[in-house]
Amino acid sequence: MLRTLWRIAVALCLLGWAVGIGEAQTTLRIGNIYPDKHSLGQQAHYFSQEVEKRTGGKVKIQVFNDSVLGSEREMAEGVKAGTLDIVISGLAGVGRFIQGIHVFELPYLYNDLEHLARVTDALFPDIERVMLKEGFRPLGVAYQGPRSIIAKRALRSLPDVKGLKFRVPEAPLYVGMARAMGAVPTPVAFPEVYTALQTGVAEAMEGGPDTVYNNKFYEQAKFFNLTQHIFHVLYITMSEANYARLPAEVQQALRDGAQSSSRYQFDLLKKTNEEAIQKMREAGVTIVPIQDLAPFRQAMAEFNKSYAERLGADAVALLNRIQSIK
């Protein structure tokens, strides 16, 4: 009898615990390589707040910025494996699994952030189709650019780049781009970039003003050369398998929250880029305008064409569609 009563008591406790779990908040994790002050770090927090608000507090998203959960590649692998819920990632992460999105990030495709946003909005269904094939669900995007080169010397023309030990993301597109410029590509994971500049492993790296300033790369390289070679998006990405397990209303809240955060980050980026350039100038960085970008554009046009061709006919067609949007 005592054993029976004990089993009943345990069963009731377990039932109560299970009911509690059913009523408890769903907690998801989002990872990001950028620090809290960066526009992408702030976007992650904004996204979290939007989802919590849209679900009445039933879904909480824990934010892990500044590479706390690993490199971009490692976090993308975690999303692919289902061990991490969401990542904000580009070619160095989810791009390792999805070749088709590479063409969106080729150099000198866009005139400005507004142009990038128009292309992304128009072709988001194509992005979604390509990513879903590989098991990734894009919820929204994050904007970056214009990326320029912070270096230990001034780069006023394309020949000045020749032989430069140029840190690039661990992505074939960036390795090829650096090589096409005449530089020596040096792939280094993002958390190790500061040390690479400090020790001389790299003489330069490239990124948007927001990225260069908030990660203090300007402390080790004092010339910010305005090549403005890339505008691009990153993807707020979830495993499609994990996404499919969520109730429809949570899925909708995630998509709506991500898209709201995209608009927020777009406006924030323009502001933080301007502030970052001014703060770097005040910190003793020389801002170097490039008088003639035509040689850079010409070299990259040839690179873009050959890169898309290596990816195949679908990539060439997609690049043509991108270039058709003015």
Protein backbone atom coordinates (compact mmCIF):
# COMPACT_ATOMS: atom_id res chain seq x y z
CA MET A 1 0.00 0.00 0.00
CA LEU A 2 2.80 2.41 0.93
CA ARG A 3 4.55 1.64 -2.35
CA THR A 4 1.32 2.26 -4.26
CA LEU A 5 0.73 5.57 -2.48
CA TRP A 6 4.35 6.56 -3.17
CA ARG A 7 3.95 5.78 -6.88
CA ILE A 8 0.72 7.81 -7.02
CA ALA A 9 2.41 10.73 -5.28
CA VAL A 10 5.36 10.61 -7.67
CA ALA A 11 3.01 10.35 -10.65
CA LEU A 12 1.03 13.38 -9.46
CA CYS A 13 4.25 15.35 -9.00
CA LEU A 14 5.41 14.39 -12.49
CA LEU A 15 2.01 15.30 -13.93
CA GLY A 16 2.14 18.66 -12.20
CA TRP A 17 5.69 19.21 -13.50
CA ALA A 18 4.62 18.28 -17.03
CA VAL A 19 1.66 20.66 -16.89
CA GLY A 20 4.03 23.34 -15.66
CA ILE A 21 6.35 22.66 -18.58
CA GLY A 22 3.42 22.95 -20.98
CA GLU A 23 2.54 26.34 -19.53
CA ALA A 24 6.14 27.52 -19.24
CA GLN A 25 7.83 29.91 -21.58
CA THR A 26 9.62 28.59 -24.64
CA THR A 27 13.23 29.72 -24.51
CA LEU A 28 15.33 29.97 -27.67
CA ARG A 29 18.96 31.05 -28.08
CA ILE A 30 20.38 33.37 -30.73
CA GLY A 31 24.12 33.64 -31.40
CA ASN A 32 26.11 36.39 -33.09
CA ILE A 33 29.81 37.24 -33.48
CA TYR A 34 29.35 40.99 -32.99
CA PRO A 35 29.52 42.89 -29.67
CA ASP A 36 26.51 44.39 -27.91
CA LYS A 37 27.26 47.94 -29.11
CA HIS A 38 27.41 46.88 -32.76
CA SER A 39 24.22 47.39 -34.79
CA LEU A 40 23.93 43.61 -35.16
CA GLY A 41 24.36 43.10 -31.43
CA GLN A 42 21.60 45.63 -30.82
CA GLN A 43 19.46 43.99 -33.49
CA ALA A 44 19.66 40.65 -31.69
CA HIS A 45 18.31 42.27 -28.50
CA TYR A 46 15.59 44.11 -30.45
CA PHE A 47 14.54 40.86 -32.15
CA SER A 48 14.33 39.15 -28.75
CA GLN A 49 12.13 41.93 -27.38
CA GLU A 50 9.88 41.90 -30.44
CA VAL A 51 9.27 38.15 -30.26
CA GLU A 52 8.54 38.28 -26.53
CA LYS A 53 6.10 41.14 -27.10
CA ARG A 54 4.38 39.43 -30.04
CA THR A 55 3.92 36.18 -28.09
CA GLY A 56 2.73 37.82 -24.88
CA GLY A 57 5.85 36.62 -23.09
CA LYS A 58 5.37 32.98 -24.05
CA VAL A 59 8.59 32.92 -26.09
CA LYS A 60 11.84 34.31 -24.79
CA ILE A 61 15.04 34.55 -26.82
CA GLN A 62 18.34 34.57 -24.97
CA VAL A 63 20.94 36.69 -26.77
CA PHE A 64 24.58 35.61 -26.96
CA ASN A 65 26.61 38.29 -28.74
CA ASP A 66 30.36 38.73 -29.18
CA SER A 67 31.18 35.13 -30.21
CA VAL A 68 30.21 33.77 -26.78
CA LEU A 69 28.86 30.63 -28.45
CA GLY A 70 31.79 30.25 -30.85
CA SER A 71 32.85 31.43 -34.28
CA GLU A 72 30.36 32.20 -37.03
CA ARG A 73 31.17 28.86 -38.64
CA GLU A 74 30.67 26.96 -35.36
CA MET A 75 27.34 28.64 -34.68
CA ALA A 76 26.08 27.93 -38.20
CA GLU A 77 27.07 24.30 -37.70
CA GLY A 78 25.13 24.35 -34.41
CA VAL A 79 22.00 25.60 -36.18
CA LYS A 80 22.44 22.96 -38.89
CA ALA A 81 22.73 20.27 -36.20
CA GLY A 82 19.85 21.68 -34.17
CA THR A 83 21.96 22.42 -31.08
CA LEU A 84 21.59 26.20 -31.50
CA ASP A 85 18.24 27.76 -32.32
CA ILE A 86 19.10 30.90 -34.29
CA VAL A 87 22.20 32.60 -35.68
CA ILE A 88 22.83 35.90 -37.44
CA SER A 89 25.27 34.78 -40.10
CA GLY A 90 26.61 35.37 -43.60
CA LEU A 91 29.00 33.58 -45.91
CA ALA A 92 31.49 32.62 -43.20
CA GLY A 93 28.73 30.67 -41.45
CA VAL A 94 25.58 29.57 -43.26
CA GLY A 95 27.28 30.34 -46.57
CA ARG A 96 29.44 27.26 -46.05
CA PHE A 97 26.34 25.15 -46.60
CA ILE A 98 24.52 27.30 -49.17
CA GLN A 99 26.51 28.19 -52.27
CA GLY A 100 23.55 29.87 -53.97
CA ILE A 101 23.50 32.92 -51.69
CA HIS A 102 27.12 33.81 -52.41
CA VAL A 103 26.31 35.95 -55.42
CA PHE A 104 24.37 38.41 -53.24
CA GLU A 105 27.65 39.35 -51.54
CA LEU A 106 29.89 39.92 -54.55
CA PRO A 107 31.77 43.25 -54.58
CA TYR A 108 30.52 46.44 -56.19
CA LEU A 109 27.00 45.18 -56.91
CA TYR A 110 25.15 47.92 -55.01
CA ASN A 111 25.31 51.71 -54.99
CA ASP A 112 24.28 52.14 -51.35
CA LEU A 113 22.31 50.54 -48.52
CA GLU A 114 18.98 51.57 -50.06
CA HIS A 115 19.90 49.76 -53.27
CA LEU A 116 20.89 46.68 -51.29
CA ALA A 117 17.55 46.74 -49.45
CA ARG A 118 15.59 46.97 -52.71
CA VAL A 119 17.42 43.96 -54.14
CA THR A 120 17.01 41.95 -50.94
CA ASP A 121 13.28 42.69 -50.71
CA ALA A 122 12.72 41.79 -54.37
CA LEU A 123 14.71 38.55 -54.26
CA PHE A 124 14.01 37.34 -50.71
CA PRO A 125 11.80 34.50 -52.07
CA ASP A 126 14.83 33.30 -54.04
CA ILE A 127 17.00 33.49 -50.93
CA GLU A 128 14.40 31.54 -48.96
CA ARG A 129 14.09 28.87 -51.66
CA VAL A 130 17.85 28.30 -51.83
CA MET A 131 18.28 28.18 -48.05
CA LEU A 132 15.33 25.86 -47.42
CA LYS A 133 16.88 23.32 -49.77
CA GLU A 134 19.74 23.01 -47.29
CA GLY A 135 17.55 22.87 -44.18
CA PHE A 136 17.86 26.53 -43.14
CA ARG A 137 14.91 28.84 -42.51
CA PRO A 138 15.73 32.55 -43.08
CA LEU A 139 13.53 34.62 -40.77
CA GLY A 140 14.89 38.01 -41.80
CA VAL A 141 18.09 39.82 -42.67
CA ALA A 142 20.71 42.16 -41.24
CA TYR A 143 22.45 44.78 -43.37
CA GLN A 144 26.15 45.50 -43.54
CA GLY A 145 28.33 47.91 -45.47
CA PRO A 146 29.91 49.62 -47.05
CA ARG A 147 32.90 47.43 -46.22
CA SER A 148 36.27 49.14 -46.59
CA ILE A 149 39.87 48.27 -45.72
CA ILE A 150 41.49 49.24 -42.41
CA ALA A 151 45.25 48.82 -42.86
CA LYS A 152 48.64 49.70 -41.44
CA ARG A 153 49.29 51.90 -44.49
CA ALA A 154 47.33 54.12 -46.86
CA LEU A 155 45.86 52.42 -49.92
CA ARG A 156 45.13 55.13 -52.47
CA SER A 157 44.96 52.96 -55.59
CA LEU A 158 44.65 49.33 -56.61
CA PRO A 159 48.44 48.84 -57.00
CA ASP A 160 48.85 49.86 -53.33
CA VAL A 161 46.99 46.68 -52.33
CA LYS A 162 49.48 44.39 -54.08
CA GLY A 163 51.20 42.02 -51.64
CA LEU A 164 49.14 43.22 -48.65
CA LYS A 165 48.62 40.53 -45.97
CA PHE A 166 44.86 40.92 -46.02
CA ARG A 167 42.70 39.26 -43.36
CA VAL A 168 39.49 38.00 -44.88
CA PRO A 169 36.58 35.92 -43.53
CA GLU A 170 36.84 32.16 -43.85
CA ALA A 171 34.82 32.19 -47.08
CA PRO A 172 35.98 31.45 -50.65
CA LEU A 173 34.38 34.62 -52.01
CA TYR A 174 36.52 36.86 -49.80
CA VAL A 175 39.67 34.86 -50.42
CA GLY A 176 39.12 35.18 -54.16
CA MET A 177 38.30 38.88 -53.90
CA ALA A 178 41.53 39.63 -52.02
CA ARG A 179 43.52 37.66 -54.55
CA ALA A 180 41.84 39.54 -57.42
CA MET A 181 42.95 42.80 -55.80
CA GLY A 182 46.55 41.55 -55.76
CA ALA A 183 46.62 41.04 -51.98
CA VAL A 184 47.73 37.96 -50.04
CA PRO A 185 44.49 36.56 -48.55
CA THR A 186 44.83 35.59 -44.90
CA PRO A 187 41.68 33.80 -43.63
CA VAL A 188 41.29 34.38 -39.88
CA ALA A 189 38.24 33.68 -37.70
CA PHE A 190 36.56 36.88 -36.54
CA PRO A 191 37.38 36.55 -32.81
CA GLU A 192 41.10 36.33 -33.72
CA VAL A 193 41.28 39.37 -36.02
CA TYR A 194 42.48 41.86 -33.40
CA THR A 195 45.38 39.60 -32.41
CA ALA A 196 46.23 38.91 -36.07
CA LEU A 197 46.60 42.66 -36.68
CA GLN A 198 48.50 43.12 -33.43
CA THR A 199 51.06 40.40 -34.19
CA GLY A 200 51.46 41.20 -37.88
CA VAL A 201 49.88 37.99 -39.11
CA ALA A 202 47.66 40.41 -41.04
CA GLU A 203 48.40 43.97 -42.16
CA ALA A 204 44.80 44.79 -42.96
CA MET A 205 41.21 43.62 -42.63
CA GLU A 206 38.00 44.78 -44.19
CA GLY A 207 34.61 45.60 -42.75
CA GLY A 208 32.03 48.32 -42.30
CA PRO A 209 32.80 51.35 -40.11
CA ASP A 210 30.43 49.99 -37.46
CA THR A 211 32.37 46.72 -37.30
CA VAL A 212 35.85 48.25 -37.39
CA TYR A 213 35.11 50.74 -34.63
CA ASN A 214 33.13 48.56 -32.23
CA ASN A 215 35.74 45.78 -32.36
CA LYS A 216 38.59 48.31 -31.92
CA PHE A 217 40.49 47.08 -34.98
CA TYR A 218 41.53 50.72 -35.57
CA GLU A 219 43.83 50.42 -32.54
CA GLN A 220 46.14 48.16 -34.55
CA ALA A 221 45.73 49.70 -38.03
CA LYS A 222 45.54 53.48 -38.48
CA PHE A 223 44.38 53.94 -42.09
CA PHE A 224 40.72 53.42 -42.99
CA ASN A 225 40.75 53.23 -46.78
CA LEU A 226 37.32 53.90 -48.32
CA THR A 227 37.25 51.18 -50.96
CA GLN A 228 33.54 50.67 -50.12
CA HIS A 229 33.70 47.39 -51.98
CA ILE A 230 30.82 45.40 -50.48
CA PHE A 231 27.30 46.01 -49.23
CA HIS A 232 25.64 42.78 -48.15
CA VAL A 233 23.14 41.07 -45.91
CA LEU A 234 23.45 38.48 -43.20
CA TYR A 235 20.60 36.12 -42.43
CA ILE A 236 18.66 35.61 -39.20
CA THR A 237 18.60 31.86 -39.63
CA MET A 238 16.99 28.89 -37.92
CA SER A 239 17.04 25.17 -38.59
CA GLU A 240 13.97 24.37 -40.69
CA ALA A 241 13.44 21.17 -38.69
CA ASN A 242 13.32 23.09 -35.40
CA TYR A 243 11.18 25.82 -36.95
CA ALA A 244 8.66 23.25 -38.19
CA ARG A 245 8.17 21.92 -34.65
CA LEU A 246 6.93 25.28 -33.37
CA PRO A 247 3.25 26.30 -33.31
CA ALA A 248 2.13 28.39 -36.28
CA GLU A 249 1.63 31.49 -34.14
CA VAL A 250 5.20 31.27 -32.83
CA GLN A 251 6.53 30.83 -36.34
CA GLN A 252 4.66 33.98 -37.38
CA ALA A 253 6.00 35.90 -34.37
CA LEU A 254 9.56 34.88 -35.24
CA ARG A 255 9.17 36.00 -38.87
CA ASP A 256 7.45 39.27 -37.94
CA GLY A 257 9.93 39.98 -35.15
CA ALA A 258 12.88 39.31 -37.44
CA GLN A 259 11.55 41.55 -40.19
CA SER A 260 10.85 44.33 -37.69
CA SER A 261 14.40 43.99 -36.39
CA SER A 262 15.72 44.22 -39.97
CA ARG A 263 14.09 47.63 -40.43
CA TYR A 264 15.39 48.75 -37.04
CA GLN A 265 18.96 47.65 -37.80
CA PHE A 266 18.92 49.23 -41.28
CA ASP A 267 18.22 52.68 -39.79
CA LEU A 268 20.62 52.10 -36.92
CA LEU A 269 23.46 51.05 -39.23
CA LYS A 270 23.42 54.29 -41.20
CA LYS A 271 23.68 56.25 -37.96
CA THR A 272 26.37 54.09 -36.37
CA ASN A 273 28.47 54.10 -39.56
CA GLU A 274 28.63 57.90 -39.53
CA GLU A 275 29.41 57.97 -35.82
CA ALA A 276 32.09 55.28 -36.18
CA ILE A 277 34.01 57.17 -38.87
CA GLN A 278 33.96 60.33 -36.79
CA LYS A 279 35.11 58.49 -33.66
CA MET A 280 37.93 56.76 -35.54
CA ARG A 281 39.05 60.12 -36.91
CA GLU A 282 39.08 61.53 -33.36
CA ALA A 283 41.14 58.50 -32.26
CA GLY A 284 43.87 59.36 -34.76
CA VAL A 285 42.82 57.18 -37.68
CA THR A 286 43.45 58.62 -41.14
CA ILE A 287 40.36 58.32 -43.33
CA VAL A 288 41.65 57.73 -46.86
CA PRO A 289 39.27 58.45 -49.77
CA ILE A 290 39.96 56.58 -53.00
CA GLN A 291 40.06 59.10 -55.85
CA ASP A 292 39.44 56.53 -58.59
CA LEU A 293 37.48 53.38 -57.80
CA ALA A 294 37.19 52.38 -61.46
CA PRO A 295 40.19 49.99 -61.40
CA PHE A 296 38.76 48.29 -58.29
CA ARG A 297 35.36 47.96 -59.97
CA GLN A 298 36.89 46.60 -63.17
CA ALA A 299 38.94 43.98 -61.34
CA MET A 300 35.90 42.93 -59.32
CA ALA A 301 33.59 42.79 -62.37
CA GLU A 302 35.86 40.15 -63.90
CA PHE A 303 36.06 38.33 -60.57
CA ASN A 304 32.25 38.44 -60.08
CA LYS A 305 31.61 36.91 -63.49
CA SER A 306 34.10 34.09 -63.04
CA TYR A 307 32.95 33.39 -59.46
CA ALA A 308 29.30 33.08 -60.50
CA GLU A 309 30.25 30.85 -63.42
CA ARG A 310 32.09 28.49 -61.07
CA LEU A 311 28.91 28.18 -59.01
CA GLY A 312 26.87 27.23 -62.08
CA ALA A 313 24.13 28.44 -64.39
CA ASP A 314 21.66 29.17 -61.57
CA ALA A 315 24.16 31.50 -59.89
CA VAL A 316 24.84 33.31 -63.17
CA ALA A 317 21.10 33.82 -63.69
CA LEU A 318 20.68 35.08 -60.13
CA LEU A 319 23.59 37.52 -60.52
CA ASN A 320 21.96 38.85 -63.68
CA ARG A 321 18.69 39.37 -61.78
CA ILE A 322 20.53 41.23 -59.00
CA GLN A 323 22.25 43.48 -61.53
CA SER A 324 18.93 44.21 -63.26
CA ILE A 325 17.49 45.91 -60.16
CA LYS A 326 18.45 49.59 -60.19
